[in-house]
Amino acid sequence: MKQLLCFGAFALWVAMIAATPLLADNYTIRIAISVSMFSVMAVSWNFIGGFTGYPSFSTAAFFGIGCYAGAIAQRNGVPLVLAWLFATLLVAVFAALLGAIILRLKGHYFAIGSIAIVELTRLITSSWGSLTGGGDGLNVPLLQGSPQEVAGLVLYVMLGILVLAFLTSVYVDRSRLGFGLKCISQNEDAANMVGVNTTAFKIVAYTLSAVFCGAVGAVYASWVGYIDPTDSFSILLTLKVPVMVLLGGAGTLLGPVLGTGVFILLEEVFWANFLQWNRAILGGIIVFLIFFLPNGLLKIQYLELYAAILKRLPTRSQKPGEGS
């Protein structure tokens, strides 16, 4: 019953987004594309950060490589769909090879190492001007059609990738791989002792966390028509995705999708009304998550949340400046 509700909620969410080109204006369609794209990255991050418990911050590296691989392939005459597939495959191979090295690290060492990967890929892309255009960026062949037709195509492709990522997540969650990843999250040494091949399982999870990001990166590059290292390998992007997952509920199936929708809705509201405070508000959301929603919206215990908020508020009898 629980899984039926999960599938039903996800199907309803996808249907609502899919109806956007038929019912909404260009601004709303752009938001729908953003929600779809970030939902893919959030579901992807959940493989390594949610199921496995490894706090990866290398999402932007995989997204950026997907952007550039797809763009360079198109510029060299590769058909659009094949260019997207090439970018996806390249990111998968890169992540598998990288995972064999970086997953030797654990905890905050792994987190720092994954951030370094983003910066390293950005620097390489900026320096390799003959291939990537360097700091000047790269023009990407535009998709054919009117702006509405192009936006609709991009949205449906993003949704297709999201459905594939979600179904993969469901399969992993119910498989031996998912069981092994959850064992690693709880106690990696104990998982080794009971026969879980932790090295192989972690590499698979890391690769899954990358491959869909590479796919949406390639599609995104075709949509915007221009990419540069700063935007493609953005540290802000790589920080947003874990926050979205944590907001919805890490390690759950619907949590990444729910968290993405809520986060982007809040971001659009704050972006429109408090532009100069946008990043400060992101920091505020992180602090709120740590103190009040450590398990995300899907795992929230409302009475406990209410009690936690009351506990941190000063009582009426307490004067300003008095400690507890």
Protein backbone atom coordinates (compact mmCIF):
# COMPACT_ATOMS: atom_id res chain seq x y z
CA MET A 1 0.00 0.00 0.00
CA LYS A 2 2.82 2.36 0.91
CA GLN A 3 4.57 1.74 -2.41
CA LEU A 4 1.33 2.30 -4.33
CA LEU A 5 0.94 5.67 -2.63
CA CYS A 6 4.55 6.47 -3.47
CA PHE A 7 4.07 5.63 -7.15
CA GLY A 8 0.74 7.45 -7.24
CA ALA A 9 2.18 10.62 -5.73
CA PHE A 10 5.15 10.56 -8.11
CA ALA A 11 2.93 9.93 -11.15
CA LEU A 12 0.65 12.81 -10.16
CA TRP A 13 3.65 15.11 -9.73
CA VAL A 14 5.06 14.17 -13.15
CA ALA A 15 1.65 14.63 -14.78
CA MET A 16 1.30 18.11 -13.28
CA ILE A 17 4.71 19.15 -14.60
CA ALA A 18 4.03 17.55 -17.99
CA ALA A 19 0.87 19.62 -18.37
CA THR A 20 2.79 22.88 -17.88
CA PRO A 21 3.45 23.60 -21.61
CA LEU A 22 -0.26 23.26 -22.32
CA LEU A 23 -1.52 25.46 -19.49
CA ALA A 24 1.16 27.92 -18.39
CA ASP A 25 3.31 30.78 -19.65
CA ASN A 26 7.02 30.69 -20.54
CA TYR A 27 8.13 31.70 -17.04
CA THR A 28 6.25 28.80 -15.44
CA ILE A 29 7.61 26.39 -18.06
CA ARG A 30 11.13 27.53 -17.19
CA ILE A 31 10.46 26.80 -13.52
CA ALA A 32 9.05 23.38 -14.46
CA ILE A 33 12.25 22.59 -16.37
CA SER A 34 14.32 23.70 -13.39
CA VAL A 35 12.26 21.53 -11.02
CA SER A 36 12.63 18.53 -13.32
CA MET A 37 16.37 18.99 -13.77
CA PHE A 38 17.12 19.46 -10.08
CA SER A 39 14.81 16.58 -9.18
CA VAL A 40 16.97 14.33 -11.35
CA MET A 41 20.11 15.51 -9.58
CA ALA A 42 18.48 15.13 -6.16
CA VAL A 43 17.31 11.57 -6.88
CA SER A 44 20.82 10.85 -8.18
CA TRP A 45 22.51 12.27 -5.07
CA ASN A 46 20.26 10.08 -2.93
CA PHE A 47 22.06 6.96 -4.19
CA ILE A 48 25.35 7.99 -2.59
CA GLY A 49 24.29 10.50 0.06
CA GLY A 50 20.97 8.99 1.15
CA PHE A 51 21.21 5.22 0.73
CA THR A 52 24.97 4.94 1.31
CA GLY A 53 25.51 7.79 3.76
CA TYR A 54 28.48 9.32 1.91
CA PRO A 55 28.08 13.14 1.75
CA SER A 56 29.13 13.78 -1.85
CA PHE A 57 29.57 17.32 -3.16
CA SER A 58 30.72 16.40 -6.66
CA THR A 59 27.33 16.78 -8.39
CA ALA A 60 28.42 19.91 -10.26
CA ALA A 61 31.45 18.08 -11.67
CA PHE A 62 29.25 15.43 -13.29
CA PHE A 63 26.73 18.01 -14.46
CA GLY A 64 29.47 20.17 -15.97
CA ILE A 65 31.19 17.28 -17.72
CA GLY A 66 27.83 16.30 -19.18
CA CYS A 67 27.34 19.87 -20.41
CA TYR A 68 30.71 20.04 -22.13
CA ALA A 69 30.77 16.48 -23.47
CA GLY A 70 27.37 16.91 -25.10
CA ALA A 71 28.23 20.36 -26.45
CA ILE A 72 31.60 19.32 -27.91
CA ALA A 73 30.05 16.24 -29.51
CA GLN A 74 27.35 18.36 -31.17
CA ARG A 75 29.89 20.91 -32.38
CA ASN A 76 31.73 18.05 -34.09
CA GLY A 77 28.68 16.90 -36.01
CA VAL A 78 27.38 14.15 -33.72
CA PRO A 79 23.55 13.91 -33.90
CA LEU A 80 21.72 15.38 -30.93
CA VAL A 81 20.51 12.19 -29.24
CA LEU A 82 23.83 10.41 -29.78
CA ALA A 83 25.63 13.42 -28.28
CA TRP A 84 23.46 13.19 -25.18
CA LEU A 85 24.10 9.45 -24.91
CA PHE A 86 27.83 9.98 -25.40
CA ALA A 87 27.91 12.55 -22.59
CA THR A 88 25.98 10.21 -20.29
CA LEU A 89 28.32 7.30 -20.98
CA LEU A 90 31.43 9.45 -20.53
CA VAL A 91 30.22 10.69 -17.14
CA ALA A 92 29.44 7.11 -16.06
CA VAL A 93 32.94 5.92 -16.95
CA PHE A 94 34.54 8.95 -15.31
CA ALA A 95 32.53 8.46 -12.10
CA ALA A 96 33.33 4.75 -11.90
CA LEU A 97 37.07 5.38 -12.28
CA LEU A 98 36.99 8.33 -9.90
CA GLY A 99 34.91 6.40 -7.37
CA ALA A 100 37.52 3.65 -7.18
CA ILE A 101 39.92 6.29 -5.87
CA ILE A 102 37.93 8.85 -3.90
CA LEU A 103 35.72 6.32 -2.11
CA ARG A 104 38.77 5.20 -0.17
CA LEU A 105 38.09 8.34 1.85
CA LYS A 106 35.36 8.48 4.49
CA GLY A 107 33.37 11.10 6.38
CA HIS A 108 34.48 14.70 6.11
CA TYR A 109 37.61 13.67 4.17
CA PHE A 110 35.37 12.29 1.42
CA ALA A 111 33.22 15.43 1.51
CA ILE A 112 36.27 17.69 1.10
CA GLY A 113 37.66 15.47 -1.64
CA SER A 114 34.39 15.59 -3.57
CA ILE A 115 34.35 19.40 -3.42
CA ALA A 116 37.94 19.40 -4.70
CA ILE A 117 36.79 17.35 -7.71
CA VAL A 118 34.40 20.14 -8.70
CA GLU A 119 37.11 22.78 -8.50
CA LEU A 120 39.62 20.57 -10.33
CA THR A 121 37.27 19.88 -13.24
CA ARG A 122 36.42 23.58 -13.45
CA LEU A 123 40.10 24.54 -13.60
CA ILE A 124 40.86 21.93 -16.27
CA THR A 125 37.91 23.11 -18.35
CA SER A 126 39.00 26.74 -17.99
CA SER A 127 42.57 25.92 -19.02
CA TRP A 128 41.84 23.63 -21.96
CA GLY A 129 40.84 26.45 -24.26
CA SER A 130 41.47 24.61 -27.55
CA LEU A 131 38.74 22.08 -26.70
CA THR A 132 36.39 23.80 -24.26
CA GLY A 133 36.74 27.47 -25.18
CA GLY A 134 38.36 28.16 -21.82
CA GLY A 135 37.01 31.02 -19.76
CA ASP A 136 35.21 32.43 -22.80
CA GLY A 137 32.81 29.53 -22.76
CA LEU A 138 31.37 27.50 -25.59
CA ASN A 139 28.48 28.08 -27.97
CA VAL A 140 26.22 25.06 -28.37
CA PRO A 141 24.11 24.35 -31.50
CA LEU A 142 20.59 25.51 -30.72
CA LEU A 143 17.63 23.17 -30.80
CA GLN A 144 15.35 23.68 -33.79
CA GLY A 145 11.87 25.10 -33.32
CA SER A 146 10.07 27.99 -31.67
CA PRO A 147 10.96 28.88 -28.06
CA GLN A 148 7.77 27.18 -26.85
CA GLU A 149 8.50 24.02 -28.84
CA VAL A 150 12.10 23.88 -27.61
CA ALA A 151 11.07 24.43 -23.99
CA GLY A 152 8.43 21.72 -24.29
CA LEU A 153 10.93 19.26 -25.78
CA VAL A 154 13.51 19.97 -23.07
CA LEU A 155 10.90 19.61 -20.33
CA TYR A 156 9.70 16.23 -21.59
CA VAL A 157 13.24 14.93 -22.01
CA MET A 158 14.08 16.05 -18.46
CA LEU A 159 10.92 14.37 -17.18
CA GLY A 160 11.85 11.19 -19.04
CA ILE A 161 15.25 11.17 -17.34
CA LEU A 162 13.55 11.85 -13.99
CA VAL A 163 11.20 8.88 -14.43
CA LEU A 164 14.15 6.65 -15.34
CA ALA A 165 16.14 7.87 -12.32
CA PHE A 166 13.17 7.36 -10.00
CA LEU A 167 12.48 3.83 -11.27
CA THR A 168 16.17 3.03 -10.84
CA SER A 169 15.95 4.33 -7.28
CA VAL A 170 12.92 2.12 -6.58
CA TYR A 171 14.72 -0.91 -8.00
CA VAL A 172 17.87 -0.22 -5.98
CA ASP A 173 15.86 0.32 -2.81
CA ARG A 174 14.23 -3.12 -3.14
CA SER A 175 17.34 -4.98 -4.34
CA ARG A 176 20.33 -6.59 -2.69
CA LEU A 177 22.31 -3.53 -3.75
CA GLY A 178 20.00 -1.27 -1.77
CA PHE A 179 20.23 -3.53 1.27
CA GLY A 180 24.01 -3.44 1.04
CA LEU A 181 24.11 0.34 0.68
CA LYS A 182 21.94 0.77 3.77
CA CYS A 183 24.23 -1.59 5.67
CA ILE A 184 27.18 0.57 4.64
CA SER A 185 25.32 3.66 5.84
CA GLN A 186 24.69 2.09 9.25
CA ASN A 187 28.10 0.48 9.81
CA GLU A 188 30.52 -0.11 6.96
CA ASP A 189 32.85 -2.36 8.96
CA ALA A 190 29.95 -4.58 10.01
CA ALA A 191 28.72 -4.68 6.41
CA ASN A 192 32.14 -5.98 5.35
CA MET A 193 32.01 -8.65 8.01
CA VAL A 194 28.65 -10.02 6.82
CA GLY A 195 29.85 -10.35 3.23
CA VAL A 196 28.83 -7.07 1.59
CA ASN A 197 31.33 -6.05 -1.09
CA THR A 198 31.42 -2.48 0.17
CA THR A 199 33.95 -1.24 -2.39
CA ALA A 200 31.94 -2.44 -5.39
CA PHE A 201 28.62 -1.32 -3.91
CA LYS A 202 29.94 2.18 -3.22
CA ILE A 203 31.34 2.52 -6.73
CA VAL A 204 27.99 1.49 -8.22
CA ALA A 205 26.16 4.01 -6.01
CA TYR A 206 28.64 6.75 -6.91
CA THR A 207 28.27 5.98 -10.62
CA LEU A 208 24.48 6.06 -10.36
CA SER A 209 24.72 9.41 -8.58
CA ALA A 210 26.67 10.74 -11.57
CA VAL A 211 25.16 9.24 -14.70
CA PHE A 212 21.77 10.99 -14.58
CA CYS A 213 23.45 14.30 -13.70
CA GLY A 214 25.56 13.96 -16.84
CA ALA A 215 22.45 13.29 -18.91
CA VAL A 216 20.59 16.40 -17.73
CA GLY A 217 23.78 18.42 -18.11
CA ALA A 218 23.96 17.52 -21.80
CA VAL A 219 20.29 18.38 -22.32
CA TYR A 220 20.68 21.64 -20.40
CA ALA A 221 23.60 22.73 -22.61
CA SER A 222 21.50 22.15 -25.74
CA TRP A 223 18.69 24.19 -24.23
CA VAL A 224 20.62 27.29 -23.14
CA GLY A 225 22.94 27.37 -26.19
CA TYR A 226 25.97 28.64 -24.26
CA ILE A 227 28.02 27.22 -21.38
CA ASP A 228 31.04 28.38 -19.41
CA PRO A 229 33.10 26.80 -16.60
CA THR A 230 31.81 29.07 -13.83
CA ASP A 231 28.14 28.21 -14.34
CA SER A 232 28.58 24.59 -15.39
CA PHE A 233 30.78 23.69 -12.41
CA SER A 234 29.03 25.91 -9.89
CA ILE A 235 29.76 25.28 -6.21
CA LEU A 236 26.34 26.73 -5.42
CA LEU A 237 24.72 24.02 -7.54
CA THR A 238 26.65 21.30 -5.78
CA LEU A 239 25.51 22.68 -2.40
CA LYS A 240 21.87 23.08 -3.41
CA VAL A 241 21.31 19.44 -4.33
CA PRO A 242 22.14 17.89 -0.92
CA VAL A 243 20.00 20.55 0.76
CA MET A 244 17.06 19.59 -1.46
CA VAL A 245 17.44 15.92 -0.55
CA LEU A 246 17.81 16.64 3.16
CA LEU A 247 14.79 18.94 3.04
CA GLY A 248 12.60 16.19 1.62
CA GLY A 249 14.17 13.25 3.42
CA ALA A 250 17.45 11.51 2.56
CA GLY A 251 17.27 7.78 1.94
CA THR A 252 13.58 7.90 0.95
CA LEU A 253 12.13 7.52 -2.54
CA LEU A 254 9.95 10.63 -2.69
CA GLY A 255 12.05 12.82 -0.41
CA PRO A 256 14.41 14.16 -3.11
CA VAL A 257 11.49 15.06 -5.39
CA LEU A 258 9.50 16.70 -2.59
CA GLY A 259 12.51 18.60 -1.30
CA THR A 260 13.35 19.89 -4.77
CA GLY A 261 9.84 21.21 -5.34
CA VAL A 262 9.70 22.96 -1.97
CA PHE A 263 13.21 24.39 -2.29
CA ILE A 264 12.71 25.83 -5.79
CA LEU A 265 9.34 27.28 -4.80
CA LEU A 266 10.98 29.05 -1.85
CA GLU A 267 13.92 30.10 -4.01
CA GLU A 268 11.66 31.66 -6.64
CA VAL A 269 9.72 33.56 -3.97
CA PHE A 270 12.87 34.86 -2.31
CA TRP A 271 14.58 35.54 -5.65
CA ALA A 272 11.68 37.72 -6.75
CA ASN A 273 11.38 39.64 -3.49
CA PHE A 274 14.75 39.45 -1.70
CA LEU A 275 17.35 39.11 -4.45
CA GLN A 276 20.26 40.39 -2.36
CA TRP A 277 19.47 37.92 0.44
CA ASN A 278 19.13 34.83 -1.76
CA ARG A 279 22.29 33.03 -0.60
CA ALA A 280 21.79 34.08 3.01
CA ILE A 281 18.35 32.48 2.89
CA LEU A 282 19.91 29.26 1.56
CA GLY A 283 22.16 29.27 4.61
CA GLY A 284 19.14 29.87 6.82
CA ILE A 285 17.38 26.85 5.33
CA ILE A 286 20.44 24.70 6.09
CA VAL A 287 20.49 25.88 9.71
CA PHE A 288 16.74 25.20 10.03
CA LEU A 289 17.24 21.69 8.65
CA ILE A 290 19.99 20.94 11.15
CA PHE A 291 18.02 22.07 14.19
CA PHE A 292 14.40 21.28 13.36
CA LEU A 293 14.21 18.89 10.37
CA PRO A 294 17.23 16.58 10.55
CA ASN A 295 15.24 13.76 8.91
CA GLY A 296 13.42 15.83 6.27
CA LEU A 297 9.78 16.58 5.55
CA LEU A 298 8.78 12.97 4.86
CA LYS A 299 10.05 11.79 8.24
CA ILE A 300 8.84 14.73 10.25
CA GLN A 301 7.29 14.17 13.67
CA TYR A 302 5.08 17.21 14.04
CA LEU A 303 4.68 17.07 17.82
CA GLU A 304 8.43 16.70 18.28
CA LEU A 305 9.06 19.61 15.89
CA TYR A 306 6.61 21.80 17.80
CA ALA A 307 8.28 20.88 21.10
CA ALA A 308 11.75 21.56 19.66
CA ILE A 309 10.71 25.03 18.47
CA LEU A 310 9.15 25.86 21.83
CA LYS A 311 12.25 24.67 23.63
CA ARG A 312 14.43 27.10 21.67
CA LEU A 313 12.09 30.07 22.19
CA PRO A 314 12.56 32.19 25.34
CA THR A 315 9.78 31.89 27.88
CA ARG A 316 7.71 34.94 28.80
CA SER A 317 9.25 35.08 32.24
CA GLN A 318 12.72 35.05 30.79
CA LYS A 319 14.21 38.51 30.30
CA PRO A 320 16.19 39.40 27.19
CA GLY A 321 19.82 38.40 27.56
CA GLU A 322 19.15 35.75 30.19
CA GLY A 323 20.51 32.29 29.40
CA SER A 324 18.85 28.99 30.20
